Amino acid sequence: MRYFVSEKNFRKALAKKIGPENLDWTVAVFQKCGPFLSWDIATLLLHAADQERETFRYVVGVLEYYYETHLQHQHSESRGFDSKTQKILGHICKKLGLKVLKPFSLIRN
């Protein structure tokens, strides 16, 4: 079973936490990552939004860079299942002080 987060729910959950100056950029990165990573990305960004703004912007920047250099070359339905993606998401978890599950999955059945 897979869990997906809609853009509407993502936007609603983050809007008050990150402010309008970061919302469009963050939603654009979320959309690029695709529906199959939506749960993991939304969870990471919600945790990041609870940190300092600088940390939040760092996390969005890492995700954006990773999309541009790696994820965009994968089919949207297969994104997130390779070891490189697992490592980058694990890196973000460590940066946020979250426990890293092996293999990485915040909730993926």
Foldseek 3Di string as FASTA:
>chain_A
DADWDDLVNLLVLCPVLQHPVCRVLQSVLLVLLAGRCNVLSSVLLSLQSVDDNVSSVVLSVLSNVCSVVPVVVDDSVPPPPDPVNQVSSQVSCVSSVHDADVSGDPDDD
